[in-house]
Amino acid sequence: MKKTISLAVITALNLGFSGCSSVVMEYIPGQAPSKYAPLNEQDNSHGLISYSGEDDRVEAYQKMHKQCDGKYNIINESLKRSGSVWIVTGKTTGYASPRYKTFIKFKCMKK
């Protein structure tokens, strides 16, 4: 009984968080990632945004568009593992499935 309840709670938490937006502006163009960063990383002409879900890509585009007053170019993208989520397969069984975040490096363009 205790295992069933704990799996139910984990499942509810996973479902509850899955509906939240996962788009994060890591840093904006014009803002250096850190004042202690090496010179080759202090080029602050680009921004970095991340998202977790496939549906969040459009929201990431919207945020980059807004940040750049409409015009931007994507410089590169990368996919990185960002933890795991518990998938319930039965009353007392389940497994951890890896979660990934997509990072987009972008640069605002002049109008």
C-alpha atoms as a PDB file:
ATOM      1  CA  MET A   1       0.000   0.000   0.000  1.00  0.00           C
ATOM      2  CA  LYS A   2       2.773   2.430   0.912  1.00  0.00           C
ATOM      3  CA  LYS A   3       4.546   1.836  -2.431  1.00  0.00           C
ATOM      4  CA  THR A   4       1.317   2.374  -4.352  1.00  0.00           C
ATOM      5  CA  ILE A   5       0.707   5.705  -2.628  1.00  0.00           C
ATOM      6  CA  SER A   6       4.256   6.923  -3.191  1.00  0.00           C
ATOM      7  CA  LEU A   7       4.090   5.982  -6.894  1.00  0.00           C
ATOM      8  CA  ALA A   8       0.761   7.783  -7.170  1.00  0.00           C
ATOM      9  CA  VAL A   9       2.259  10.903  -5.586  1.00  0.00           C
ATOM     10  CA  ILE A  10       5.284  10.788  -7.914  1.00  0.00           C
ATOM     11  CA  THR A  11       3.003  10.357 -10.913  1.00  0.00           C
ATOM     12  CA  ALA A  12       0.828  13.290  -9.824  1.00  0.00           C
ATOM     13  CA  LEU A  13       3.901  15.478  -9.390  1.00  0.00           C
ATOM     14  CA  ASN A  14       5.227  14.512 -12.811  1.00  0.00           C
ATOM     15  CA  LEU A  15       1.875  15.259 -14.441  1.00  0.00           C
ATOM     16  CA  GLY A  16       1.543  18.509 -12.536  1.00  0.00           C
ATOM     17  CA  PHE A  17       4.908  19.846 -13.643  1.00  0.00           C
ATOM     18  CA  SER A  18       4.599  18.655 -17.233  1.00  0.00           C
ATOM     19  CA  GLY A  19       2.007  21.342 -17.982  1.00  0.00           C
ATOM     20  CA  CYS A  20       4.263  24.212 -16.900  1.00  0.00           C
ATOM     21  CA  SER A  21       6.261  26.206 -19.412  1.00  0.00           C
ATOM     22  CA  SER A  22       9.861  25.112 -19.534  1.00  0.00           C
ATOM     23  CA  VAL A  23      11.195  27.907 -21.747  1.00  0.00           C
ATOM     24  CA  VAL A  24      14.014  29.799 -20.004  1.00  0.00           C
ATOM     25  CA  MET A  25      15.986  32.760 -21.316  1.00  0.00           C
ATOM     26  CA  GLU A  26      19.398  31.717 -19.952  1.00  0.00           C
ATOM     27  CA  TYR A  27      20.948  35.037 -20.941  1.00  0.00           C
ATOM     28  CA  ILE A  28      19.894  37.839 -23.240  1.00  0.00           C
ATOM     29  CA  PRO A  29      21.880  39.459 -26.045  1.00  0.00           C
ATOM     30  CA  GLY A  30      24.043  42.224 -24.607  1.00  0.00           C
ATOM     31  CA  GLN A  31      24.411  40.470 -21.251  1.00  0.00           C
ATOM     32  CA  ALA A  32      27.646  38.576 -20.609  1.00  0.00           C
ATOM     33  CA  PRO A  33      27.132  35.103 -19.091  1.00  0.00           C
ATOM     34  CA  SER A  34      29.482  35.988 -16.207  1.00  0.00           C
ATOM     35  CA  LYS A  35      31.915  38.764 -15.407  1.00  0.00           C
ATOM     36  CA  TYR A  36      34.412  36.008 -14.570  1.00  0.00           C
ATOM     37  CA  ALA A  37      34.034  34.234 -17.919  1.00  0.00           C
ATOM     38  CA  PRO A  38      37.129  33.923 -20.137  1.00  0.00           C
ATOM     39  CA  LEU A  39      37.480  36.468 -22.934  1.00  0.00           C
ATOM     40  CA  ASN A  40      36.301  34.038 -25.604  1.00  0.00           C
ATOM     41  CA  GLU A  41      32.997  33.619 -23.737  1.00  0.00           C
ATOM     42  CA  GLN A  42      32.415  37.305 -23.048  1.00  0.00           C
ATOM     43  CA  ASP A  43      31.106  37.981 -26.545  1.00  0.00           C
ATOM     44  CA  ASN A  44      27.712  39.200 -25.450  1.00  0.00           C
ATOM     45  CA  SER A  45      26.227  39.736 -28.896  1.00  0.00           C
ATOM     46  CA  HIS A  46      24.180  36.543 -28.626  1.00  0.00           C
ATOM     47  CA  GLY A  47      21.550  35.115 -26.302  1.00  0.00           C
ATOM     48  CA  LEU A  48      20.811  31.620 -25.048  1.00  0.00           C
ATOM     49  CA  ILE A  49      17.362  30.131 -24.517  1.00  0.00           C
ATOM     50  CA  SER A  50      16.399  26.619 -23.401  1.00  0.00           C
ATOM     51  CA  TYR A  51      13.266  24.499 -23.441  1.00  0.00           C
ATOM     52  CA  SER A  52      12.260  20.954 -22.514  1.00  0.00           C
ATOM     53  CA  GLY A  53       9.135  19.979 -24.413  1.00  0.00           C
ATOM     54  CA  GLU A  54       8.542  19.745 -28.146  1.00  0.00           C
ATOM     55  CA  ASP A  55       5.561  22.080 -27.785  1.00  0.00           C
ATOM     56  CA  ASP A  56       7.802  24.697 -26.132  1.00  0.00           C
ATOM     57  CA  ARG A  57       9.822  25.371 -29.301  1.00  0.00           C
ATOM     58  CA  VAL A  58       7.186  27.803 -30.583  1.00  0.00           C
ATOM     59  CA  GLU A  59       7.250  29.659 -27.259  1.00  0.00           C
ATOM     60  CA  ALA A  60      11.064  29.829 -27.486  1.00  0.00           C
ATOM     61  CA  TYR A  61      10.726  31.351 -30.972  1.00  0.00           C
ATOM     62  CA  GLN A  62       8.234  33.890 -29.602  1.00  0.00           C
ATOM     63  CA  LYS A  63      10.585  34.908 -26.776  1.00  0.00           C
ATOM     64  CA  MET A  64      13.569  35.276 -29.127  1.00  0.00           C
ATOM     65  CA  HIS A  65      11.397  37.286 -31.545  1.00  0.00           C
ATOM     66  CA  LYS A  66      10.260  39.597 -28.736  1.00  0.00           C
ATOM     67  CA  GLN A  67      13.782  39.972 -27.295  1.00  0.00           C
ATOM     68  CA  CYS A  68      15.175  40.927 -30.717  1.00  0.00           C
ATOM     69  CA  ASP A  69      12.298  43.168 -31.833  1.00  0.00           C
ATOM     70  CA  GLY A  70      11.462  40.692 -34.566  1.00  0.00           C
ATOM     71  CA  LYS A  71      14.678  39.666 -36.312  1.00  0.00           C
ATOM     72  CA  TYR A  72      17.105  37.032 -35.096  1.00  0.00           C
ATOM     73  CA  ASN A  73      19.271  34.196 -36.383  1.00  0.00           C
ATOM     74  CA  ILE A  74      19.868  30.879 -34.683  1.00  0.00           C
ATOM     75  CA  ILE A  75      23.611  30.305 -34.356  1.00  0.00           C
ATOM     76  CA  ASN A  76      23.443  26.725 -33.081  1.00  0.00           C
ATOM     77  CA  GLU A  77      21.412  24.251 -31.060  1.00  0.00           C
ATOM     78  CA  SER A  78      22.383  21.523 -28.628  1.00  0.00           C
ATOM     79  CA  LEU A  79      20.524  18.846 -26.696  1.00  0.00           C
ATOM     80  CA  LYS A  80      21.611  18.100 -23.113  1.00  0.00           C
ATOM     81  CA  ARG A  81      20.309  15.659 -20.524  1.00  0.00           C
ATOM     82  CA  SER A  82      18.595  17.433 -17.636  1.00  0.00           C
ATOM     83  CA  GLY A  83      17.568  14.690 -15.226  1.00  0.00           C
ATOM     84  CA  SER A  84      14.926  11.999 -15.258  1.00  0.00           C
ATOM     85  CA  VAL A  85      11.203  11.579 -14.849  1.00  0.00           C
ATOM     86  CA  TRP A  86       9.548   8.557 -13.212  1.00  0.00           C
ATOM     87  CA  ILE A  87       7.249   6.608 -15.554  1.00  0.00           C
ATOM     88  CA  VAL A  88       4.690   4.360 -13.803  1.00  0.00           C
ATOM     89  CA  THR A  89       4.072   1.062 -15.589  1.00  0.00           C
ATOM     90  CA  GLY A  90       1.975  -0.690 -12.959  1.00  0.00           C
ATOM     91  CA  LYS A  91       0.663  -0.329  -9.422  1.00  0.00           C
ATOM     92  CA  THR A  92       4.102  -0.703  -7.860  1.00  0.00           C
ATOM     93  CA  THR A  93       6.458  -0.681 -10.836  1.00  0.00           C
ATOM     94  CA  GLY A  94       7.994   1.948 -13.040  1.00  0.00           C
ATOM     95  CA  TYR A  95      11.235   3.233 -14.468  1.00  0.00           C
ATOM     96  CA  ALA A  96      13.195   6.450 -14.786  1.00  0.00           C
ATOM     97  CA  SER A  97      13.152   7.998 -18.233  1.00  0.00           C
ATOM     98  CA  PRO A  98      15.802  10.608 -19.119  1.00  0.00           C
ATOM     99  CA  ARG A  99      14.687  14.195 -19.770  1.00  0.00           C
ATOM    100  CA  TYR A 100      16.465  16.483 -22.169  1.00  0.00           C
ATOM    101  CA  LYS A 101      16.675  20.242 -22.709  1.00  0.00           C
ATOM    102  CA  THR A 102      17.320  21.951 -26.009  1.00  0.00           C
ATOM    103  CA  PHE A 103      19.579  25.007 -25.899  1.00  0.00           C
ATOM    104  CA  ILE A 104      19.414  27.572 -28.717  1.00  0.00           C
ATOM    105  CA  LYS A 105      22.151  30.171 -29.135  1.00  0.00           C
ATOM    106  CA  PHE A 106      20.771  33.110 -31.121  1.00  0.00           C
ATOM    107  CA  LYS A 107      21.781  36.578 -32.286  1.00  0.00           C
ATOM    108  CA  CYS A 108      19.542  39.586 -32.829  1.00  0.00           C
ATOM    109  CA  MET A 109      19.786  41.104 -36.297  1.00  0.00           C
ATOM    110  CA  LYS A 110      19.547  44.755 -37.285  1.00  0.00           C
ATOM    111  CA  LYS A 111      16.307  45.844 -38.891  1.00  0.00           C
END
